[in-house]
Amino acid sequence: MNNDWKNRLNIVYSTNPNFNYETEEDENVETLPASQQRLKVQLDKRNRNGKAVTLITGFVGNEEDLKELGKFLKSKCGVGGSSKNNEILIQGDFREKITTLLLEKGYKQTKRIN
């Protein structure tokens, strides 16, 4: 067992002799090709003080690819947003434009939900 204290996370002391420390390991999720992604584009106003955001869900892949796609969409729409937890938030109602952009980029299974 590696006793390097820097690799131990979220533990101060344990009396369990068989305790295994949590270590920081990257979970490399394989990003599906664009043609196999099943993305859903929808308008979301919940918990946003009445402001509308375009929500893209269903992305399967690593955070880096998600952020790259989010950056592409935000720059094409000229607005802000965020990319995390396999979701992309784009500020404003851009469902039509984003659906068109995703289809052009090769995301053939993109669906617009009203």
PDB file of N, CA and C in Angstrom:
ATOM      1  N   MET A   1       0.840  -1.184   0.000  1.00  0.00           N
ATOM      2  CA  MET A   1       0.000   0.000   0.000  1.00  0.00           C
ATOM      3  C   MET A   1       0.880   1.241   0.000  1.00  0.00           C
ATOM      4  N   ASN A   2       0.547   2.190  -0.813  1.00  0.00           N
ATOM      5  CA  ASN A   2       1.278   3.445  -0.886  1.00  0.00           C
ATOM      6  C   ASN A   2       0.812   4.363   0.234  1.00  0.00           C
ATOM      7  N   ASN A   3       1.732   4.784   1.109  1.00  0.00           N
ATOM      8  CA  ASN A   3       1.355   5.619   2.241  1.00  0.00           C
ATOM      9  C   ASN A   3       1.667   7.087   2.017  1.00  0.00           C
ATOM     10  N   ASP A   4       1.674   7.532   0.788  1.00  0.00           N
ATOM     11  CA  ASP A   4       1.909   8.937   0.507  1.00  0.00           C
ATOM     12  C   ASP A   4       0.681   9.731   0.952  1.00  0.00           C
ATOM     13  N   TRP A   5       0.843  10.581   1.944  1.00  0.00           N
ATOM     14  CA  TRP A   5      -0.294  11.299   2.534  1.00  0.00           C
ATOM     15  C   TRP A   5      -0.958  12.251   1.566  1.00  0.00           C
ATOM     16  N   LYS A   6      -0.261  12.693   0.523  1.00  0.00           N
ATOM     17  CA  LYS A   6      -0.848  13.627  -0.430  1.00  0.00           C
ATOM     18  C   LYS A   6      -1.924  12.967  -1.290  1.00  0.00           C
ATOM     19  N   ASN A   7      -1.862  11.652  -1.424  1.00  0.00           N
ATOM     20  CA  ASN A   7      -2.844  10.939  -2.244  1.00  0.00           C
ATOM     21  C   ASN A   7      -4.104  10.574  -1.482  1.00  0.00           C
ATOM     22  N   ARG A   8      -4.104  10.744  -0.171  1.00  0.00           N
ATOM     23  CA  ARG A   8      -5.280  10.401   0.636  1.00  0.00           C
ATOM     24  C   ARG A   8      -6.243  11.581   0.646  1.00  0.00           C
ATOM     25  N   LEU A   9      -7.485  11.311   0.295  1.00  0.00           N
ATOM     26  CA  LEU A   9      -8.481  12.366   0.222  1.00  0.00           C
ATOM     27  C   LEU A   9      -9.626  12.094   1.186  1.00  0.00           C
ATOM     28  N   ASN A  10     -10.175  13.148   1.754  1.00  0.00           N
ATOM     29  CA  ASN A  10     -11.405  13.094   2.543  1.00  0.00           C
ATOM     30  C   ASN A  10     -11.325  12.189   3.762  1.00  0.00           C
ATOM     31  N   ILE A  11     -10.165  12.057   4.381  1.00  0.00           N
ATOM     32  CA  ILE A  11     -10.072  11.223   5.576  1.00  0.00           C
ATOM     33  C   ILE A  11      -9.099  11.863   6.559  1.00  0.00           C
ATOM     34  N   VAL A  12      -9.482  11.862   7.827  1.00  0.00           N
ATOM     35  CA  VAL A  12      -8.592  12.373   8.857  1.00  0.00           C
ATOM     36  C   VAL A  12      -7.991  11.190   9.604  1.00  0.00           C
ATOM     37  N   TYR A  13      -8.847  10.247  10.021  1.00  0.00           N
ATOM     38  CA  TYR A  13      -8.380   9.104  10.787  1.00  0.00           C
ATOM     39  C   TYR A  13      -9.407   7.981  10.657  1.00  0.00           C
ATOM     40  N   SER A  14      -8.946   6.754  10.558  1.00  0.00           N
ATOM     41  CA  SER A  14      -9.847   5.613  10.494  1.00  0.00           C
ATOM     42  C   SER A  14      -9.324   4.509  11.392  1.00  0.00           C
ATOM     43  N   THR A  15     -10.252   3.888  12.135  1.00  0.00           N
ATOM     44  CA  THR A  15      -9.870   2.763  12.982  1.00  0.00           C
ATOM     45  C   THR A  15     -10.058   1.430  12.287  1.00  0.00           C
ATOM     46  N   ASN A  16     -10.596   1.457  11.082  1.00  0.00           N
ATOM     47  CA  ASN A  16     -10.814   0.244  10.306  1.00  0.00           C
ATOM     48  C   ASN A  16      -9.481  -0.235   9.731  1.00  0.00           C
ATOM     49  N   PRO A  17      -9.014  -1.445  10.118  1.00  0.00           N
ATOM     50  CA  PRO A  17      -7.716  -1.912   9.615  1.00  0.00           C
ATOM     51  C   PRO A  17      -7.735  -2.232   8.106  1.00  0.00           C
ATOM     52  N   ASN A  18      -8.899  -2.463   7.541  1.00  0.00           N
ATOM     53  CA  ASN A  18      -9.004  -2.787   6.118  1.00  0.00           C
ATOM     54  C   ASN A  18      -9.440  -1.592   5.276  1.00  0.00           C
ATOM     55  N   PHE A  19      -9.298  -0.394   5.817  1.00  0.00           N
ATOM     56  CA  PHE A  19      -9.760   0.800   5.120  1.00  0.00           C
ATOM     57  C   PHE A  19      -8.863   1.111   3.921  1.00  0.00           C
ATOM     58  N   ASN A  20      -9.498   1.419   2.793  1.00  0.00           N
ATOM     59  CA  ASN A  20      -8.760   1.832   1.607  1.00  0.00           C
ATOM     60  C   ASN A  20      -8.994   3.307   1.379  1.00  0.00           C
ATOM     61  N   TYR A  21      -7.930   4.051   1.236  1.00  0.00           N
ATOM     62  CA  TYR A  21      -8.035   5.489   1.018  1.00  0.00           C
ATOM     63  C   TYR A  21      -8.539   5.772  -0.387  1.00  0.00           C
ATOM     64  N   GLU A  22      -9.299   6.853  -0.488  1.00  0.00           N
ATOM     65  CA  GLU A  22      -9.709   7.321  -1.808  1.00  0.00           C
ATOM     66  C   GLU A  22      -8.511   8.025  -2.424  1.00  0.00           C
ATOM     67  N   THR A  23      -8.261   7.749  -3.664  1.00  0.00           N
ATOM     68  CA  THR A  23      -7.172   8.436  -4.341  1.00  0.00           C
ATOM     69  C   THR A  23      -7.733   9.179  -5.538  1.00  0.00           C
ATOM     70  N   GLU A  24      -7.015  10.196  -5.939  1.00  0.00           N
ATOM     71  CA  GLU A  24      -7.468  11.022  -7.051  1.00  0.00           C
ATOM     72  C   GLU A  24      -7.039  10.360  -8.354  1.00  0.00           C
ATOM     73  N   GLU A  25      -7.992   9.755  -9.031  1.00  0.00           N
ATOM     74  CA  GLU A  25      -7.715   9.118 -10.310  1.00  0.00           C
ATOM     75  C   GLU A  25      -8.685   9.662 -11.336  1.00  0.00           C
ATOM     76  N   ASP A  26      -8.165  10.058 -12.468  1.00  0.00           N
ATOM     77  CA  ASP A  26      -9.021  10.573 -13.528  1.00  0.00           C
ATOM     78  C   ASP A  26      -9.808   9.434 -14.156  1.00  0.00           C
ATOM     79  N   GLU A  27     -11.109   9.651 -14.241  1.00  0.00           N
ATOM     80  CA  GLU A  27     -11.948   8.684 -14.929  1.00  0.00           C
ATOM     81  C   GLU A  27     -12.031   9.118 -16.379  1.00  0.00           C
ATOM     82  N   ASN A  28     -11.230   8.511 -17.218  1.00  0.00           N
ATOM     83  CA  ASN A  28     -11.233   8.879 -18.625  1.00  0.00           C
ATOM     84  C   ASN A  28     -12.418   8.217 -19.310  1.00  0.00           C
ATOM     85  N   VAL A  29     -13.448   9.010 -19.504  1.00  0.00           N
ATOM     86  CA  VAL A  29     -14.627   8.535 -20.194  1.00  0.00           C
ATOM     87  C   VAL A  29     -14.382   8.716 -21.686  1.00  0.00           C
ATOM     88  N   GLU A  30     -14.591   7.674 -22.438  1.00  0.00           N
ATOM     89  CA  GLU A  30     -14.397   7.739 -23.880  1.00  0.00           C
ATOM     90  C   GLU A  30     -15.516   8.580 -24.488  1.00  0.00           C
ATOM     91  N   THR A  31     -15.136   9.604 -25.233  1.00  0.00           N
ATOM     92  CA  THR A  31     -16.116  10.457 -25.880  1.00  0.00           C
ATOM     93  C   THR A  31     -16.635   9.765 -27.125  1.00  0.00           C
ATOM     94  N   LEU A  32     -17.963   9.655 -27.189  1.00  0.00           N
ATOM     95  CA  LEU A  32     -18.570   9.031 -28.363  1.00  0.00           C
ATOM     96  C   LEU A  32     -18.384   9.932 -29.578  1.00  0.00           C
ATOM     97  N   PRO A  33     -18.299   9.340 -30.777  1.00  0.00           N
ATOM     98  CA  PRO A  33     -18.236  10.159 -31.987  1.00  0.00           C
ATOM     99  C   PRO A  33     -19.506  11.008 -32.119  1.00  0.00           C
ATOM    100  N   ALA A  34     -19.395  12.106 -32.835  1.00  0.00           N
ATOM    101  CA  ALA A  34     -20.509  13.038 -32.975  1.00  0.00           C
ATOM    102  C   ALA A  34     -21.754  12.357 -33.522  1.00  0.00           C
ATOM    103  N   SER A  35     -21.594  11.424 -34.443  1.00  0.00           N
ATOM    104  CA  SER A  35     -22.753  10.777 -35.058  1.00  0.00           C
ATOM    105  C   SER A  35     -23.497   9.861 -34.091  1.00  0.00           C
ATOM    106  N   GLN A  36     -22.844   9.451 -32.984  1.00  0.00           N
ATOM    107  CA  GLN A  36     -23.493   8.556 -32.016  1.00  0.00           C
ATOM    108  C   GLN A  36     -24.039   9.298 -30.793  1.00  0.00           C
ATOM    109  N   GLN A  37     -23.760  10.574 -30.680  1.00  0.00           N
ATOM    110  CA  GLN A  37     -24.254  11.355 -29.547  1.00  0.00           C
ATOM    111  C   GLN A  37     -25.756  11.612 -29.711  1.00  0.00           C
ATOM    112  N   ARG A  38     -26.506  11.428 -28.632  1.00  0.00           N
ATOM    113  CA  ARG A  38     -27.949  11.706 -28.630  1.00  0.00           C
ATOM    114  C   ARG A  38     -28.195  12.949 -27.790  1.00  0.00           C
ATOM    115  N   LEU A  39     -28.086  14.102 -28.427  1.00  0.00           N
ATOM    116  CA  LEU A  39     -28.221  15.360 -27.708  1.00  0.00           C
ATOM    117  C   LEU A  39     -29.657  15.859 -27.765  1.00  0.00           C
ATOM    118  N   LYS A  40     -30.090  16.485 -26.675  1.00  0.00           N
ATOM    119  CA  LYS A  40     -31.423  17.082 -26.597  1.00  0.00           C
ATOM    120  C   LYS A  40     -31.248  18.571 -26.336  1.00  0.00           C
ATOM    121  N   VAL A  41     -31.893  19.386 -27.155  1.00  0.00           N
ATOM    122  CA  VAL A  41     -31.821  20.839 -27.029  1.00  0.00           C
ATOM    123  C   VAL A  41     -33.180  21.323 -26.551  1.00  0.00           C
ATOM    124  N   GLN A  42     -33.198  22.024 -25.411  1.00  0.00           N
ATOM    125  CA  GLN A  42     -34.478  22.481 -24.847  1.00  0.00           C
ATOM    126  C   GLN A  42     -34.312  23.813 -24.146  1.00  0.00           C
ATOM    127  N   LEU A  43     -35.427  24.491 -23.964  1.00  0.00           N
ATOM    128  CA  LEU A  43     -35.451  25.766 -23.252  1.00  0.00           C
ATOM    129  C   LEU A  43     -35.733  25.482 -21.786  1.00  0.00           C
ATOM    130  N   ASP A  44     -34.985  26.125 -20.908  1.00  0.00           N
ATOM    131  CA  ASP A  44     -35.145  25.900 -19.472  1.00  0.00           C
ATOM    132  C   ASP A  44     -35.249  27.242 -18.763  1.00  0.00           C
ATOM    133  N   LYS A  45     -36.284  27.396 -17.930  1.00  0.00           N
ATOM    134  CA  LYS A  45     -36.471  28.631 -17.153  1.00  0.00           C
ATOM    135  C   LYS A  45     -36.517  28.351 -15.656  1.00  0.00           C
ATOM    136  N   ARG A  46     -36.421  27.096 -15.267  1.00  0.00           N
ATOM    137  CA  ARG A  46     -36.554  26.733 -13.854  1.00  0.00           C
ATOM    138  C   ARG A  46     -35.378  27.250 -13.026  1.00  0.00           C
ATOM    139  N   ASN A  47     -35.680  27.813 -11.874  1.00  0.00           N
ATOM    140  CA  ASN A  47     -34.699  28.307 -10.903  1.00  0.00           C
ATOM    141  C   ASN A  47     -33.730  29.315 -11.503  1.00  0.00           C
ATOM    142  N   ARG A  48     -34.203  30.116 -12.429  1.00  0.00           N
ATOM    143  CA  ARG A  48     -33.334  31.107 -13.069  1.00  0.00           C
ATOM    144  C   ARG A  48     -33.979  32.496 -13.069  1.00  0.00           C
ATOM    145  N   ASN A  49     -34.885  32.737 -12.148  1.00  0.00           N
ATOM    146  CA  ASN A  49     -35.564  34.024 -12.015  1.00  0.00           C
ATOM    147  C   ASN A  49     -36.239  34.460 -13.312  1.00  0.00           C
ATOM    148  N   GLY A  50     -36.822  33.523 -14.024  1.00  0.00           N
ATOM    149  CA  GLY A  50     -37.561  33.839 -15.240  1.00  0.00           C
ATOM    150  C   GLY A  50     -36.695  34.003 -16.472  1.00  0.00           C
ATOM    151  N   LYS A  51     -35.384  33.949 -16.319  1.00  0.00           N
ATOM    152  CA  LYS A  51     -34.498  34.079 -17.473  1.00  0.00           C
ATOM    153  C   LYS A  51     -34.404  32.736 -18.188  1.00  0.00           C
ATOM    154  N   ALA A  52     -34.416  32.788 -19.507  1.00  0.00           N
ATOM    155  CA  ALA A  52     -34.383  31.561 -20.295  1.00  0.00           C
ATOM    156  C   ALA A  52     -32.949  31.188 -20.648  1.00  0.00           C
ATOM    157  N   VAL A  53     -32.660  29.894 -20.592  1.00  0.00           N
ATOM    158  CA  VAL A  53     -31.390  29.369 -21.081  1.00  0.00           C
ATOM    159  C   VAL A  53     -31.684  28.186 -22.000  1.00  0.00           C
ATOM    160  N   THR A  54     -30.828  27.999 -22.971  1.00  0.00           N
ATOM    161  CA  THR A  54     -30.923  26.829 -23.834  1.00  0.00           C
ATOM    162  C   THR A  54     -30.068  25.751 -23.194  1.00  0.00           C
ATOM    163  N   LEU A  55     -30.661  24.598 -22.954  1.00  0.00           N
ATOM    164  CA  LEU A  55     -30.006  23.507 -22.258  1.00  0.00           C
ATOM    165  C   LEU A  55     -29.755  22.366 -23.241  1.00  0.00           C
ATOM    166  N   ILE A  56     -28.502  21.943 -23.360  1.00  0.00           N
ATOM    167  CA  ILE A  56     -28.140  20.810 -24.217  1.00  0.00           C
ATOM    168  C   ILE A  56     -27.721  19.679 -23.293  1.00  0.00           C
ATOM    169  N   THR A  57     -28.464  18.574 -23.322  1.00  0.00           N
ATOM    170  CA  THR A  57     -28.178  17.437 -22.445  1.00  0.00           C
ATOM    171  C   THR A  57     -27.906  16.197 -23.284  1.00  0.00           C
ATOM    172  N   GLY A  58     -27.401  15.155 -22.615  1.00  0.00           N
ATOM    173  CA  GLY A  58     -27.194  13.873 -23.265  1.00  0.00           C
ATOM    174  C   GLY A  58     -25.786  13.659 -23.785  1.00  0.00           C
ATOM    175  N   PHE A  59     -24.856  14.564 -23.509  1.00  0.00           N
ATOM    176  CA  PHE A  59     -23.491  14.416 -23.998  1.00  0.00           C
ATOM    177  C   PHE A  59     -22.798  13.292 -23.250  1.00  0.00           C
ATOM    178  N   VAL A  60     -22.148  12.394 -23.978  1.00  0.00           N
ATOM    179  CA  VAL A  60     -21.389  11.299 -23.373  1.00  0.00           C
ATOM    180  C   VAL A  60     -19.927  11.495 -23.753  1.00  0.00           C
ATOM    181  N   GLY A  61     -19.102  11.762 -22.747  1.00  0.00           N
ATOM    182  CA  GLY A  61     -17.684  11.974 -23.017  1.00  0.00           C
ATOM    183  C   GLY A  61     -17.005  12.668 -21.875  1.00  0.00           C
ATOM    184  N   ASN A  62     -15.751  13.051 -22.096  1.00  0.00           N
ATOM    185  CA  ASN A  62     -14.990  13.691 -21.029  1.00  0.00           C
ATOM    186  C   ASN A  62     -15.272  15.188 -20.977  1.00  0.00           C
ATOM    187  N   GLU A  63     -14.904  15.796 -19.857  1.00  0.00           N
ATOM    188  CA  GLU A  63     -15.192  17.210 -19.611  1.00  0.00           C
ATOM    189  C   GLU A  63     -14.511  18.120 -20.634  1.00  0.00           C
ATOM    190  N   GLU A  64     -13.328  17.729 -21.080  1.00  0.00           N
ATOM    191  CA  GLU A  64     -12.587  18.558 -22.032  1.00  0.00           C
ATOM    192  C   GLU A  64     -13.355  18.722 -23.350  1.00  0.00           C
ATOM    193  N   ASP A  65     -13.880  17.614 -23.868  1.00  0.00           N
ATOM    194  CA  ASP A  65     -14.647  17.669 -25.118  1.00  0.00           C
ATOM    195  C   ASP A  65     -15.956  18.426 -24.929  1.00  0.00           C
ATOM    196  N   LEU A  66     -16.571  18.267 -23.751  1.00  0.00           N
ATOM    197  CA  LEU A  66     -17.811  18.989 -23.444  1.00  0.00           C
ATOM    198  C   LEU A  66     -17.554  20.494 -23.432  1.00  0.00           C
ATOM    199  N   LYS A  67     -16.473  20.912 -22.772  1.00  0.00           N
ATOM    200  CA  LYS A  67     -16.141  22.334 -22.703  1.00  0.00           C
ATOM    201  C   LYS A  67     -15.807  22.886 -24.090  1.00  0.00           C
ATOM    202  N   GLU A  68     -15.161  22.078 -24.916  1.00  0.00           N
ATOM    203  CA  GLU A  68     -14.827  22.506 -26.280  1.00  0.00           C
ATOM    204  C   GLU A  68     -16.094  22.742 -27.104  1.00  0.00           C
ATOM    205  N   LEU A  69     -17.053  21.817 -27.005  1.00  0.00           N
ATOM    206  CA  LEU A  69     -18.323  21.983 -27.715  1.00  0.00           C
ATOM    207  C   LEU A  69     -19.092  23.183 -27.171  1.00  0.00           C
ATOM    208  N   GLY A  70     -19.097  23.351 -25.850  1.00  0.00           N
ATOM    209  CA  GLY A  70     -19.763  24.502 -25.238  1.00  0.00           C
ATOM    210  C   GLY A  70     -19.156  25.814 -25.694  1.00  0.00           C
ATOM    211  N   LYS A  71     -17.837  25.863 -25.781  1.00  0.00           N
ATOM    212  CA  LYS A  71     -17.155  27.077 -26.230  1.00  0.00           C
ATOM    213  C   LYS A  71     -17.519  27.389 -27.680  1.00  0.00           C
ATOM    214  N   PHE A  72     -17.583  26.359 -28.507  1.00  0.00           N
ATOM    215  CA  PHE A  72     -17.969  26.537 -29.909  1.00  0.00           C
ATOM    216  C   PHE A  72     -19.373  27.128 -30.015  1.00  0.00           C
ATOM    217  N   LEU A  73     -20.325  26.550 -29.268  1.00  0.00           N
ATOM    218  CA  LEU A  73     -21.711  27.015 -29.331  1.00  0.00           C
ATOM    219  C   LEU A  73     -21.856  28.431 -28.777  1.00  0.00           C
ATOM    220  N   LYS A  74     -21.169  28.728 -27.679  1.00  0.00           N
ATOM    221  CA  LYS A  74     -21.248  30.067 -27.100  1.00  0.00           C
ATOM    222  C   LYS A  74     -20.685  31.113 -28.058  1.00  0.00           C
ATOM    223  N   SER A  75     -19.596  30.782 -28.739  1.00  0.00           N
ATOM    224  CA  SER A  75     -19.006  31.754 -29.663  1.00  0.00           C
ATOM    225  C   SER A  75     -19.893  31.964 -30.887  1.00  0.00           C
ATOM    226  N   LYS A  76     -20.541  30.911 -31.371  1.00  0.00           N
ATOM    227  CA  LYS A  76     -21.422  31.048 -32.528  1.00  0.00           C
ATOM    228  C   LYS A  76     -22.685  31.841 -32.196  1.00  0.00           C
ATOM    229  N   CYS A  77     -23.156  31.721 -30.948  1.00  0.00           N
ATOM    230  CA  CYS A  77     -24.353  32.456 -30.531  1.00  0.00           C
ATOM    231  C   CYS A  77     -24.013  33.840 -29.985  1.00  0.00           C
ATOM    232  N   GLY A  78     -22.751  34.069 -29.651  1.00  0.00           N
ATOM    233  CA  GLY A  78     -22.332  35.362 -29.141  1.00  0.00           C
ATOM    234  C   GLY A  78     -22.825  35.660 -27.742  1.00  0.00           C
ATOM    235  N   VAL A  79     -22.988  34.624 -26.928  1.00  0.00           N
ATOM    236  CA  VAL A  79     -23.478  34.799 -25.557  1.00  0.00           C
ATOM    237  C   VAL A  79     -22.634  33.974 -24.597  1.00  0.00           C
ATOM    238  N   GLY A  80     -22.932  34.081 -23.311  1.00  0.00           N
ATOM    239  CA  GLY A  80     -22.238  33.319 -22.286  1.00  0.00           C
ATOM    240  C   GLY A  80     -22.949  32.012 -21.994  1.00  0.00           C
ATOM    241  N   GLY A  81     -22.371  31.264 -21.089  1.00  0.00           N
ATOM    242  CA  GLY A  81     -22.956  29.997 -20.686  1.00  0.00           C
ATOM    243  C   GLY A  81     -21.957  29.195 -19.890  1.00  0.00           C
ATOM    244  N   SER A  82     -22.267  27.929 -19.668  1.00  0.00           N
ATOM    245  CA  SER A  82     -21.354  27.059 -18.932  1.00  0.00           C
ATOM    246  C   SER A  82     -21.483  25.635 -19.440  1.00  0.00           C
ATOM    247  N   SER A  83     -20.457  24.838 -19.131  1.00  0.00           N
ATOM    248  CA  SER A  83     -20.419  23.439 -19.542  1.00  0.00           C
ATOM    249  C   SER A  83     -19.944  22.608 -18.363  1.00  0.00           C
ATOM    250  N   LYS A  84     -20.844  21.775 -17.809  1.00  0.00           N
ATOM    251  CA  LYS A  84     -20.452  20.882 -16.716  1.00  0.00           C
ATOM    252  C   LYS A  84     -21.515  19.809 -16.542  1.00  0.00           C
ATOM    253  N   ASN A  85     -21.133  18.717 -15.919  1.00  0.00           N
ATOM    254  CA  ASN A  85     -22.032  17.597 -15.635  1.00  0.00           C
ATOM    255  C   ASN A  85     -22.756  17.108 -16.881  1.00  0.00           C
ATOM    256  N   ASN A  86     -22.047  17.006 -17.981  1.00  0.00           N
ATOM    257  CA  ASN A  86     -22.596  16.531 -19.261  1.00  0.00           C
ATOM    258  C   ASN A  86     -23.756  17.378 -19.758  1.00  0.00           C
ATOM    259  N   GLU A  87     -23.783  18.655 -19.378  1.00  0.00           N
ATOM    260  CA  GLU A  87     -24.787  19.604 -19.840  1.00  0.00           C
ATOM    261  C   GLU A  87     -24.102  20.883 -20.293  1.00  0.00           C
ATOM    262  N   ILE A  88     -24.695  21.511 -21.290  1.00  0.00           N
ATOM    263  CA  ILE A  88     -24.217  22.809 -21.749  1.00  0.00           C
ATOM    264  C   ILE A  88     -25.362  23.797 -21.593  1.00  0.00           C
ATOM    265  N   LEU A  89     -25.094  24.917 -20.913  1.00  0.00           N
ATOM    266  CA  LEU A  89     -26.077  25.987 -20.750  1.00  0.00           C
ATOM    267  C   LEU A  89     -25.653  27.156 -21.622  1.00  0.00           C
ATOM    268  N   ILE A  90     -26.562  27.620 -22.463  1.00  0.00           N
ATOM    269  CA  ILE A  90     -26.331  28.793 -23.283  1.00  0.00           C
ATOM    270  C   ILE A  90     -27.364  29.832 -22.876  1.00  0.00           C
ATOM    271  N   GLN A  91     -26.927  31.039 -22.529  1.00  0.00           N
ATOM    272  CA  GLN A  91     -27.846  32.069 -22.076  1.00  0.00           C
ATOM    273  C   GLN A  91     -28.717  32.546 -23.229  1.00  0.00           C
ATOM    274  N   GLY A  92     -30.030  32.498 -23.028  1.00  0.00           N
ATOM    275  CA  GLY A  92     -30.974  32.953 -24.043  1.00  0.00           C
ATOM    276  C   GLY A  92     -31.622  31.787 -24.774  1.00  0.00           C
ATOM    277  N   ASP A  93     -32.587  32.113 -25.632  1.00  0.00           N
ATOM    278  CA  ASP A  93     -33.318  31.098 -26.391  1.00  0.00           C
ATOM    279  C   ASP A  93     -32.689  30.962 -27.782  1.00  0.00           C
ATOM    280  N   PHE A  94     -31.817  29.967 -27.927  1.00  0.00           N
ATOM    281  CA  PHE A  94     -31.131  29.712 -29.196  1.00  0.00           C
ATOM    282  C   PHE A  94     -31.369  28.283 -29.669  1.00  0.00           C
ATOM    283  N   ARG A  95     -32.546  27.736 -29.373  1.00  0.00           N
ATOM    284  CA  ARG A  95     -32.812  26.337 -29.712  1.00  0.00           C
ATOM    285  C   ARG A  95     -32.649  26.061 -31.205  1.00  0.00           C
ATOM    286  N   GLU A  96     -33.234  26.911 -32.043  1.00  0.00           N
ATOM    287  CA  GLU A  96     -33.190  26.714 -33.497  1.00  0.00           C
ATOM    288  C   GLU A  96     -31.755  26.761 -34.009  1.00  0.00           C
ATOM    289  N   LYS A  97     -31.041  27.805 -33.614  1.00  0.00           N
ATOM    290  CA  LYS A  97     -29.671  28.005 -34.095  1.00  0.00           C
ATOM    291  C   LYS A  97     -28.744  26.883 -33.631  1.00  0.00           C
ATOM    292  N   ILE A  98     -28.864  26.481 -32.359  1.00  0.00           N
ATOM    293  CA  ILE A  98     -27.990  25.441 -31.813  1.00  0.00           C
ATOM    294  C   ILE A  98     -28.285  24.098 -32.464  1.00  0.00           C
ATOM    295  N   THR A  99     -29.561  23.794 -32.678  1.00  0.00           N
ATOM    296  CA  THR A  99     -29.915  22.537 -33.346  1.00  0.00           C
ATOM    297  C   THR A  99     -29.296  22.501 -34.743  1.00  0.00           C
ATOM    298  N   THR A 100     -29.395  23.595 -35.468  1.00  0.00           N
ATOM    299  CA  THR A 100     -28.805  23.665 -36.807  1.00  0.00           C
ATOM    300  C   THR A 100     -27.288  23.511 -36.749  1.00  0.00           C
ATOM    301  N   LEU A 101     -26.640  24.200 -35.809  1.00  0.00           N
ATOM    302  CA  LEU A 101     -25.185  24.113 -35.671  1.00  0.00           C
ATOM    303  C   LEU A 101     -24.729  22.689 -35.340  1.00  0.00           C
ATOM    304  N   LEU A 102     -25.444  22.028 -34.436  1.00  0.00           N
ATOM    305  CA  LEU A 102     -25.074  20.667 -34.049  1.00  0.00           C
ATOM    306  C   LEU A 102     -25.249  19.692 -35.209  1.00  0.00           C
ATOM    307  N   LEU A 103     -26.334  19.847 -35.972  1.00  0.00           N
ATOM    308  CA  LEU A 103     -26.547  18.973 -37.122  1.00  0.00           C
ATOM    309  C   LEU A 103     -25.448  19.177 -38.168  1.00  0.00           C
ATOM    310  N   GLU A 104     -25.044  20.432 -38.390  1.00  0.00           N
ATOM    311  CA  GLU A 104     -23.968  20.720 -39.338  1.00  0.00           C
ATOM    312  C   GLU A 104     -22.630  20.163 -38.867  1.00  0.00           C
ATOM    313  N   LYS A 105     -22.435  20.135 -37.554  1.00  0.00           N
ATOM    314  CA  LYS A 105     -21.175  19.657 -36.988  1.00  0.00           C
ATOM    315  C   LYS A 105     -21.100  18.125 -36.938  1.00  0.00           C
ATOM    316  N   GLY A 106     -22.179  17.433 -37.302  1.00  0.00           N
ATOM    317  CA  GLY A 106     -22.143  15.979 -37.359  1.00  0.00           C
ATOM    318  C   GLY A 106     -22.930  15.273 -36.268  1.00  0.00           C
ATOM    319  N   TYR A 107     -23.593  16.018 -35.406  1.00  0.00           N
ATOM    320  CA  TYR A 107     -24.418  15.422 -34.347  1.00  0.00           C
ATOM    321  C   TYR A 107     -25.793  15.122 -34.940  1.00  0.00           C
ATOM    322  N   LYS A 108     -25.883  14.001 -35.650  1.00  0.00           N
ATOM    323  CA  LYS A 108     -27.075  13.669 -36.440  1.00  0.00           C
ATOM    324  C   LYS A 108     -28.289  13.291 -35.588  1.00  0.00           C
ATOM    325  N   GLN A 109     -28.071  12.862 -34.354  1.00  0.00           N
ATOM    326  CA  GLN A 109     -29.187  12.425 -33.515  1.00  0.00           C
ATOM    327  C   GLN A 109     -29.627  13.514 -32.537  1.00  0.00           C
ATOM    328  N   THR A 110     -29.465  14.769 -32.941  1.00  0.00           N
ATOM    329  CA  THR A 110     -29.868  15.894 -32.107  1.00  0.00           C
ATOM    330  C   THR A 110     -31.369  16.123 -32.242  1.00  0.00           C
ATOM    331  N   LYS A 111     -32.038  16.281 -31.097  1.00  0.00           N
ATOM    332  CA  LYS A 111     -33.480  16.516 -31.079  1.00  0.00           C
ATOM    333  C   LYS A 111     -33.775  17.814 -30.370  1.00  0.00           C
ATOM    334  N   ARG A 112     -34.707  18.576 -30.916  1.00  0.00           N
ATOM    335  CA  ARG A 112     -35.156  19.810 -30.282  1.00  0.00           C
ATOM    336  C   ARG A 112     -36.436  19.498 -29.532  1.00  0.00           C
ATOM    337  N   ILE A 113     -36.436  19.760 -28.246  1.00  0.00           N
ATOM    338  CA  ILE A 113     -37.605  19.496 -27.399  1.00  0.00           C
ATOM    339  C   ILE A 113     -38.240  20.845 -27.075  1.00  0.00           C
ATOM    340  N   ASN A 114     -39.545  20.967 -27.314  1.00  0.00           N
ATOM    341  CA  ASN A 114     -40.239  22.232 -27.053  1.00  0.00           C
ATOM    342  C   ASN A 114     -40.710  22.305 -25.629  1.00  0.00           C
TER     343      ASN A 114
END
